[in-house]
């Protein structure tokens, strides 16, 4: 593990150095260690003010071609080969550098990377469940998932306050919720803003059954 951390540091520092050149084409092949180290190099490129352009080319020659085709000042390709990683670095003039790094382990094992797609939609669906309220106007200010949750509840949601409509205001990270309606500000209880919105919808005031008429009487 110590050697893998050292490799990560080396590739990160390499990214810092070449990031000053501008955009860098970055690719990898052969295994998850090369893929991970390529991302480490990309972080260095980005933090140095450059642009990390990852591609899906499967070999160093393709990576070098990508760099030349897009007129990039550098192209980096990493190849995992058993317990070693091959580093191929090419500049915009076709000059290349090749170096072999020992990964320090028979399998060069690293943890897995994965992307959990659709998290906002799943969060909204889980918090709302089967709840439904009669359609009405509302505005939402907060994470996109707040709008998704309110729409699942049955609201017609705008991205700005509308006179007479209930206003749902979450903090940027979706942790707390304030609901403004009829001149009142409420703070529904919930583990996060979406659960608080669902809790608000469970309350009678979430769907007013009567509205004041112009003559002071009540009408549905």
C-alpha atoms as a PDB file:
ATOM      1  CA  UNK A   1       0.000   0.000   0.000  1.00  0.00           C
ATOM      2  CA  UNK A   2       2.851   2.366   0.800  1.00  0.00           C
ATOM      3  CA  UNK A   3       4.299   1.983  -2.685  1.00  0.00           C
ATOM      4  CA  UNK A   4       0.933   2.666  -4.275  1.00  0.00           C
ATOM      5  CA  UNK A   5       0.652   5.869  -2.262  1.00  0.00           C
ATOM      6  CA  UNK A   6       4.117   6.849  -3.494  1.00  0.00           C
ATOM      7  CA  UNK A   7       3.035   6.173  -7.082  1.00  0.00           C
ATOM      8  CA  UNK A   8      -0.010   8.332  -6.577  1.00  0.00           C
ATOM      9  CA  UNK A   9       2.166  11.162  -5.300  1.00  0.00           C
ATOM     10  CA  UNK A  10       4.570  10.785  -8.227  1.00  0.00           C
ATOM     11  CA  UNK A  11       1.797  10.929 -10.829  1.00  0.00           C
ATOM     12  CA  UNK A  12       0.111  13.827  -9.054  1.00  0.00           C
ATOM     13  CA  UNK A  13       3.382  15.777  -9.105  1.00  0.00           C
ATOM     14  CA  UNK A  14       3.898  14.881 -12.754  1.00  0.00           C
ATOM     15  CA  UNK A  15       0.444  16.298 -13.452  1.00  0.00           C
ATOM     16  CA  UNK A  16       1.377  19.493 -11.631  1.00  0.00           C
ATOM     17  CA  UNK A  17       4.453  19.881 -13.821  1.00  0.00           C
ATOM     18  CA  UNK A  18       2.791  19.275 -17.173  1.00  0.00           C
ATOM     19  CA  UNK A  19      -0.402  21.108 -16.188  1.00  0.00           C
ATOM     20  CA  UNK A  20       1.421  24.366 -16.610  1.00  0.00           C
ATOM     21  CA  UNK A  21       1.652  23.610 -20.328  1.00  0.00           C
ATOM     22  CA  UNK A  22      -2.127  23.833 -20.804  1.00  0.00           C
ATOM     23  CA  UNK A  23      -4.453  21.024 -21.893  1.00  0.00           C
ATOM     24  CA  UNK A  24      -3.149  17.454 -21.556  1.00  0.00           C
ATOM     25  CA  UNK A  25      -4.566  14.311 -23.171  1.00  0.00           C
ATOM     26  CA  UNK A  26      -4.683  11.507 -20.594  1.00  0.00           C
ATOM     27  CA  UNK A  27      -5.442   7.828 -21.126  1.00  0.00           C
ATOM     28  CA  UNK A  28      -4.769   4.462 -19.526  1.00  0.00           C
ATOM     29  CA  UNK A  29      -5.003   0.744 -20.117  1.00  0.00           C
ATOM     30  CA  UNK A  30      -4.297  -2.624 -18.577  1.00  0.00           C
ATOM     31  CA  UNK A  31      -5.976  -2.351 -15.195  1.00  0.00           C
ATOM     32  CA  UNK A  32      -7.492  -0.302 -12.393  1.00  0.00           C
ATOM     33  CA  UNK A  33      -4.150   0.886 -10.993  1.00  0.00           C
ATOM     34  CA  UNK A  34      -3.260   2.627 -14.273  1.00  0.00           C
ATOM     35  CA  UNK A  35      -6.787   4.090 -14.423  1.00  0.00           C
ATOM     36  CA  UNK A  36      -6.487   5.433 -10.873  1.00  0.00           C
ATOM     37  CA  UNK A  37      -3.011   6.878 -11.386  1.00  0.00           C
ATOM     38  CA  UNK A  38      -4.192   8.578 -14.575  1.00  0.00           C
ATOM     39  CA  UNK A  39      -6.830  10.336 -12.479  1.00  0.00           C
ATOM     40  CA  UNK A  40      -4.174  11.339  -9.956  1.00  0.00           C
ATOM     41  CA  UNK A  41      -2.168  12.899 -12.782  1.00  0.00           C
ATOM     42  CA  UNK A  42      -5.321  14.616 -14.012  1.00  0.00           C
ATOM     43  CA  UNK A  43      -5.864  16.154 -10.577  1.00  0.00           C
ATOM     44  CA  UNK A  44      -2.358  17.592 -10.703  1.00  0.00           C
ATOM     45  CA  UNK A  45      -2.939  18.969 -14.199  1.00  0.00           C
ATOM     46  CA  UNK A  46      -6.171  20.639 -13.123  1.00  0.00           C
ATOM     47  CA  UNK A  47      -4.756  22.095  -9.902  1.00  0.00           C
ATOM     48  CA  UNK A  48      -1.840  23.517 -11.880  1.00  0.00           C
ATOM     49  CA  UNK A  49      -4.327  25.447 -13.995  1.00  0.00           C
ATOM     50  CA  UNK A  50      -4.291  23.081 -16.965  1.00  0.00           C
ATOM     51  CA  UNK A  51      -7.109  21.072 -18.512  1.00  0.00           C
ATOM     52  CA  UNK A  52      -7.159  17.282 -18.131  1.00  0.00           C
ATOM     53  CA  UNK A  53      -8.728  15.757 -21.232  1.00  0.00           C
ATOM     54  CA  UNK A  54      -9.343  12.068 -20.598  1.00  0.00           C
ATOM     55  CA  UNK A  55      -9.861   9.800 -23.591  1.00  0.00           C
ATOM     56  CA  UNK A  56     -10.698   6.138 -24.138  1.00  0.00           C
ATOM     57  CA  UNK A  57      -7.834   5.299 -26.480  1.00  0.00           C
ATOM     58  CA  UNK A  58      -6.431   1.876 -25.655  1.00  0.00           C
ATOM     59  CA  UNK A  59      -2.704   2.362 -26.275  1.00  0.00           C
ATOM     60  CA  UNK A  60       0.098   4.903 -25.991  1.00  0.00           C
ATOM     61  CA  UNK A  61       0.273   5.499 -29.748  1.00  0.00           C
ATOM     62  CA  UNK A  62      -3.410   6.418 -29.844  1.00  0.00           C
ATOM     63  CA  UNK A  63      -2.919   8.725 -26.875  1.00  0.00           C
ATOM     64  CA  UNK A  64      -0.033  10.468 -28.621  1.00  0.00           C
ATOM     65  CA  UNK A  65      -2.136  10.823 -31.767  1.00  0.00           C
ATOM     66  CA  UNK A  66      -4.984  12.390 -29.756  1.00  0.00           C
ATOM     67  CA  UNK A  67      -2.553  14.947 -28.384  1.00  0.00           C
ATOM     68  CA  UNK A  68      -1.221  15.849 -31.817  1.00  0.00           C
ATOM     69  CA  UNK A  69      -4.647  15.861 -33.482  1.00  0.00           C
ATOM     70  CA  UNK A  70      -6.009  18.368 -30.984  1.00  0.00           C
ATOM     71  CA  UNK A  71      -2.765  20.361 -30.922  1.00  0.00           C
ATOM     72  CA  UNK A  72      -2.240  19.741 -27.221  1.00  0.00           C
ATOM     73  CA  UNK A  73       1.131  20.480 -25.632  1.00  0.00           C
ATOM     74  CA  UNK A  74       1.323  17.066 -23.931  1.00  0.00           C
ATOM     75  CA  UNK A  75      -0.206  13.581 -23.909  1.00  0.00           C
ATOM     76  CA  UNK A  76       0.121  11.108 -21.034  1.00  0.00           C
ATOM     77  CA  UNK A  77      -0.683   7.396 -21.215  1.00  0.00           C
ATOM     78  CA  UNK A  78      -0.330   4.830 -18.427  1.00  0.00           C
ATOM     79  CA  UNK A  79      -0.180   1.091 -18.993  1.00  0.00           C
ATOM     80  CA  UNK A  80      -0.566  -1.383 -16.129  1.00  0.00           C
ATOM     81  CA  UNK A  81       1.553  -4.469 -16.757  1.00  0.00           C
ATOM     82  CA  UNK A  82       1.364  -6.963 -13.898  1.00  0.00           C
ATOM     83  CA  UNK A  83       3.094  -5.372 -10.906  1.00  0.00           C
ATOM     84  CA  UNK A  84       4.421  -2.403 -12.877  1.00  0.00           C
ATOM     85  CA  UNK A  85       3.078   0.695 -14.582  1.00  0.00           C
ATOM     86  CA  UNK A  86       4.488   2.045 -17.828  1.00  0.00           C
ATOM     87  CA  UNK A  87       4.408   5.831 -18.208  1.00  0.00           C
ATOM     88  CA  UNK A  88       4.344   7.288 -21.739  1.00  0.00           C
ATOM     89  CA  UNK A  89       4.604  11.068 -22.034  1.00  0.00           C
ATOM     90  CA  UNK A  90       4.614  12.812 -25.422  1.00  0.00           C
ATOM     91  CA  UNK A  91       4.927  16.503 -26.125  1.00  0.00           C
ATOM     92  CA  UNK A  92       3.232  18.417 -28.896  1.00  0.00           C
ATOM     93  CA  UNK A  93       6.248  17.936 -31.180  1.00  0.00           C
ATOM     94  CA  UNK A  94       6.116  14.147 -31.050  1.00  0.00           C
ATOM     95  CA  UNK A  95       9.027  13.771 -28.634  1.00  0.00           C
ATOM     96  CA  UNK A  96       8.361  11.024 -26.120  1.00  0.00           C
ATOM     97  CA  UNK A  97       9.411   9.887 -22.659  1.00  0.00           C
ATOM     98  CA  UNK A  98       8.943   6.340 -21.410  1.00  0.00           C
ATOM     99  CA  UNK A  99       9.458   5.159 -17.837  1.00  0.00           C
ATOM    100  CA  UNK A 100       8.584   1.966 -15.981  1.00  0.00           C
ATOM    101  CA  UNK A 101       7.426   2.205 -12.355  1.00  0.00           C
ATOM    102  CA  UNK A 102       7.372  -0.715  -9.933  1.00  0.00           C
ATOM    103  CA  UNK A 103       3.960  -0.925  -8.254  1.00  0.00           C
ATOM    104  CA  UNK A 104       5.307  -2.892  -5.305  1.00  0.00           C
ATOM    105  CA  UNK A 105       2.880  -5.805  -5.339  1.00  0.00           C
ATOM    106  CA  UNK A 106       2.207  -9.004  -7.309  1.00  0.00           C
ATOM    107  CA  UNK A 107      -1.256  -7.891  -8.391  1.00  0.00           C
ATOM    108  CA  UNK A 108      -0.957  -4.107  -8.044  1.00  0.00           C
ATOM    109  CA  UNK A 109      -4.387  -4.257  -6.413  1.00  0.00           C
ATOM    110  CA  UNK A 110      -6.386  -1.112  -5.833  1.00  0.00           C
ATOM    111  CA  UNK A 111      -9.937  -0.464  -4.740  1.00  0.00           C
ATOM    112  CA  UNK A 112     -12.724  -0.123  -7.251  1.00  0.00           C
ATOM    113  CA  UNK A 113     -14.109   3.113  -8.726  1.00  0.00           C
ATOM    114  CA  UNK A 114     -17.790   3.312  -9.492  1.00  0.00           C
ATOM    115  CA  UNK A 115     -20.450   5.889 -10.321  1.00  0.00           C
ATOM    116  CA  UNK A 116     -23.858   5.707  -8.677  1.00  0.00           C
ATOM    117  CA  UNK A 117     -26.006   7.307 -11.363  1.00  0.00           C
ATOM    118  CA  UNK A 118     -29.428   8.845 -10.778  1.00  0.00           C
ATOM    119  CA  UNK A 119     -28.835   9.674  -7.108  1.00  0.00           C
ATOM    120  CA  UNK A 120     -30.972  12.845  -7.155  1.00  0.00           C
ATOM    121  CA  UNK A 121     -33.962  11.012  -8.639  1.00  0.00           C
ATOM    122  CA  UNK A 122     -33.599   8.083  -6.255  1.00  0.00           C
ATOM    123  CA  UNK A 123     -33.295  10.415  -3.249  1.00  0.00           C
ATOM    124  CA  UNK A 124     -36.450  12.289  -4.253  1.00  0.00           C
ATOM    125  CA  UNK A 125     -38.404   9.096  -4.906  1.00  0.00           C
ATOM    126  CA  UNK A 126     -37.367   7.579  -1.580  1.00  0.00           C
ATOM    127  CA  UNK A 127     -38.246  10.665   0.447  1.00  0.00           C
ATOM    128  CA  UNK A 128     -41.622  11.211  -1.235  1.00  0.00           C
ATOM    129  CA  UNK A 129     -42.757   7.605  -1.462  1.00  0.00           C
ATOM    130  CA  UNK A 130     -46.457   7.327  -2.321  1.00  0.00           C
ATOM    131  CA  UNK A 131     -47.409  10.776  -1.052  1.00  0.00           C
ATOM    132  CA  UNK A 132     -49.460  12.969  -3.381  1.00  0.00           C
ATOM    133  CA  UNK A 133     -51.057  16.369  -2.866  1.00  0.00           C
ATOM    134  CA  UNK A 134     -53.527  18.157  -5.156  1.00  0.00           C
ATOM    135  CA  UNK A 135     -51.660  20.118  -7.772  1.00  0.00           C
ATOM    136  CA  UNK A 136     -50.749  23.656  -6.856  1.00  0.00           C
ATOM    137  CA  UNK A 137     -48.144  26.293  -7.543  1.00  0.00           C
ATOM    138  CA  UNK A 138     -44.881  26.300  -5.624  1.00  0.00           C
ATOM    139  CA  UNK A 139     -41.387  27.654  -6.026  1.00  0.00           C
ATOM    140  CA  UNK A 140     -38.184  25.833  -5.173  1.00  0.00           C
ATOM    141  CA  UNK A 141     -34.810  27.263  -4.243  1.00  0.00           C
ATOM    142  CA  UNK A 142     -32.153  24.648  -3.476  1.00  0.00           C
ATOM    143  CA  UNK A 143     -30.671  21.447  -4.928  1.00  0.00           C
ATOM    144  CA  UNK A 144     -32.265  20.068  -8.097  1.00  0.00           C
ATOM    145  CA  UNK A 145     -33.576  17.102  -6.107  1.00  0.00           C
ATOM    146  CA  UNK A 146     -35.874  19.453  -4.161  1.00  0.00           C
ATOM    147  CA  UNK A 147     -37.698  20.318  -7.382  1.00  0.00           C
ATOM    148  CA  UNK A 148     -37.889  16.624  -8.303  1.00  0.00           C
ATOM    149  CA  UNK A 149     -39.394  15.793  -4.912  1.00  0.00           C
ATOM    150  CA  UNK A 150     -41.967  18.589  -5.081  1.00  0.00           C
ATOM    151  CA  UNK A 151     -43.017  17.559  -8.579  1.00  0.00           C
ATOM    152  CA  UNK A 152     -43.454  13.963  -7.398  1.00  0.00           C
ATOM    153  CA  UNK A 153     -45.632  15.308  -4.601  1.00  0.00           C
ATOM    154  CA  UNK A 154     -47.869  16.946  -7.187  1.00  0.00           C
ATOM    155  CA  UNK A 155     -46.753  20.567  -7.172  1.00  0.00           C
ATOM    156  CA  UNK A 156     -46.241  22.663 -10.279  1.00  0.00           C
ATOM    157  CA  UNK A 157     -42.824  24.055  -9.498  1.00  0.00           C
ATOM    158  CA  UNK A 158     -41.269  27.337 -10.625  1.00  0.00           C
ATOM    159  CA  UNK A 159     -37.673  28.415 -10.111  1.00  0.00           C
ATOM    160  CA  UNK A 160     -38.682  31.807  -8.675  1.00  0.00           C
ATOM    161  CA  UNK A 161     -41.222  32.966  -6.082  1.00  0.00           C
ATOM    162  CA  UNK A 162     -44.798  33.389  -7.324  1.00  0.00           C
ATOM    163  CA  UNK A 163     -47.291  35.564  -5.451  1.00  0.00           C
ATOM    164  CA  UNK A 164     -49.649  33.377  -3.458  1.00  0.00           C
ATOM    165  CA  UNK A 165     -47.643  30.197  -4.019  1.00  0.00           C
ATOM    166  CA  UNK A 166     -45.858  28.278  -1.305  1.00  0.00           C
ATOM    167  CA  UNK A 167     -42.077  28.778  -1.325  1.00  0.00           C
ATOM    168  CA  UNK A 168     -39.681  25.927  -0.494  1.00  0.00           C
ATOM    169  CA  UNK A 169     -36.189  27.172   0.324  1.00  0.00           C
ATOM    170  CA  UNK A 170     -33.397  24.698   1.077  1.00  0.00           C
ATOM    171  CA  UNK A 171     -29.797  25.472   1.890  1.00  0.00           C
ATOM    172  CA  UNK A 172     -27.271  24.731  -0.856  1.00  0.00           C
ATOM    173  CA  UNK A 173     -26.428  21.254   0.490  1.00  0.00           C
ATOM    174  CA  UNK A 174     -30.051  20.197   0.978  1.00  0.00           C
ATOM    175  CA  UNK A 175     -29.755  19.772   4.736  1.00  0.00           C
ATOM    176  CA  UNK A 176     -32.442  22.166   5.983  1.00  0.00           C
ATOM    177  CA  UNK A 177     -35.714  23.528   4.605  1.00  0.00           C
ATOM    178  CA  UNK A 178     -37.745  26.676   5.149  1.00  0.00           C
ATOM    179  CA  UNK A 179     -41.307  26.872   3.838  1.00  0.00           C
ATOM    180  CA  UNK A 180     -42.894  30.287   3.343  1.00  0.00           C
ATOM    181  CA  UNK A 181     -46.634  30.564   2.904  1.00  0.00           C
ATOM    182  CA  UNK A 182     -49.169  33.247   3.754  1.00  0.00           C
ATOM    183  CA  UNK A 183     -46.581  35.468   5.387  1.00  0.00           C
ATOM    184  CA  UNK A 184     -45.393  32.676   7.670  1.00  0.00           C
ATOM    185  CA  UNK A 185     -42.043  30.873   7.665  1.00  0.00           C
ATOM    186  CA  UNK A 186     -42.011  27.251   8.807  1.00  0.00           C
ATOM    187  CA  UNK A 187     -39.101  24.865   9.434  1.00  0.00           C
ATOM    188  CA  UNK A 188     -40.481  21.341   8.910  1.00  0.00           C
ATOM    189  CA  UNK A 189     -38.596  18.591  10.720  1.00  0.00           C
ATOM    190  CA  UNK A 190     -36.648  16.063   8.684  1.00  0.00           C
ATOM    191  CA  UNK A 191     -33.276  14.408   8.311  1.00  0.00           C
ATOM    192  CA  UNK A 192     -32.722  16.565   5.230  1.00  0.00           C
ATOM    193  CA  UNK A 193     -34.599  19.105   3.117  1.00  0.00           C
ATOM    194  CA  UNK A 194     -36.452  16.478   1.075  1.00  0.00           C
ATOM    195  CA  UNK A 195     -37.673  14.591   4.112  1.00  0.00           C
ATOM    196  CA  UNK A 196     -38.755  17.929   5.589  1.00  0.00           C
ATOM    197  CA  UNK A 197     -40.695  18.727   2.389  1.00  0.00           C
ATOM    198  CA  UNK A 198     -42.448  15.351   2.583  1.00  0.00           C
ATOM    199  CA  UNK A 199     -43.216  16.005   6.252  1.00  0.00           C
ATOM    200  CA  UNK A 200     -44.705  19.377   5.333  1.00  0.00           C
ATOM    201  CA  UNK A 201     -46.885  17.737   2.674  1.00  0.00           C
ATOM    202  CA  UNK A 202     -48.291  15.428   5.367  1.00  0.00           C
ATOM    203  CA  UNK A 203     -49.647  18.438   7.259  1.00  0.00           C
ATOM    204  CA  UNK A 204     -53.088  19.983   6.538  1.00  0.00           C
ATOM    205  CA  UNK A 205     -51.635  23.399   5.707  1.00  0.00           C
ATOM    206  CA  UNK A 206     -49.702  21.911   2.794  1.00  0.00           C
ATOM    207  CA  UNK A 207     -52.880  21.793   0.708  1.00  0.00           C
ATOM    208  CA  UNK A 208     -55.259  24.606   1.740  1.00  0.00           C
ATOM    209  CA  UNK A 209     -58.823  23.509   1.042  1.00  0.00           C
ATOM    210  CA  UNK A 210     -60.262  27.032   1.202  1.00  0.00           C
ATOM    211  CA  UNK A 211     -59.070  30.414  -0.005  1.00  0.00           C
ATOM    212  CA  UNK A 212     -60.441  33.863   0.983  1.00  0.00           C
ATOM    213  CA  UNK A 213     -62.879  35.289  -1.524  1.00  0.00           C
ATOM    214  CA  UNK A 214     -62.987  38.979  -2.392  1.00  0.00           C
ATOM    215  CA  UNK A 215     -66.139  39.481  -0.278  1.00  0.00           C
ATOM    216  CA  UNK A 216     -64.563  37.932   2.800  1.00  0.00           C
ATOM    217  CA  UNK A 217     -66.436  34.641   2.555  1.00  0.00           C
ATOM    218  CA  UNK A 218     -64.687  31.316   2.063  1.00  0.00           C
ATOM    219  CA  UNK A 219     -64.712  29.476  -1.231  1.00  0.00           C
ATOM    220  CA  UNK A 220     -63.263  26.189  -2.386  1.00  0.00           C
END
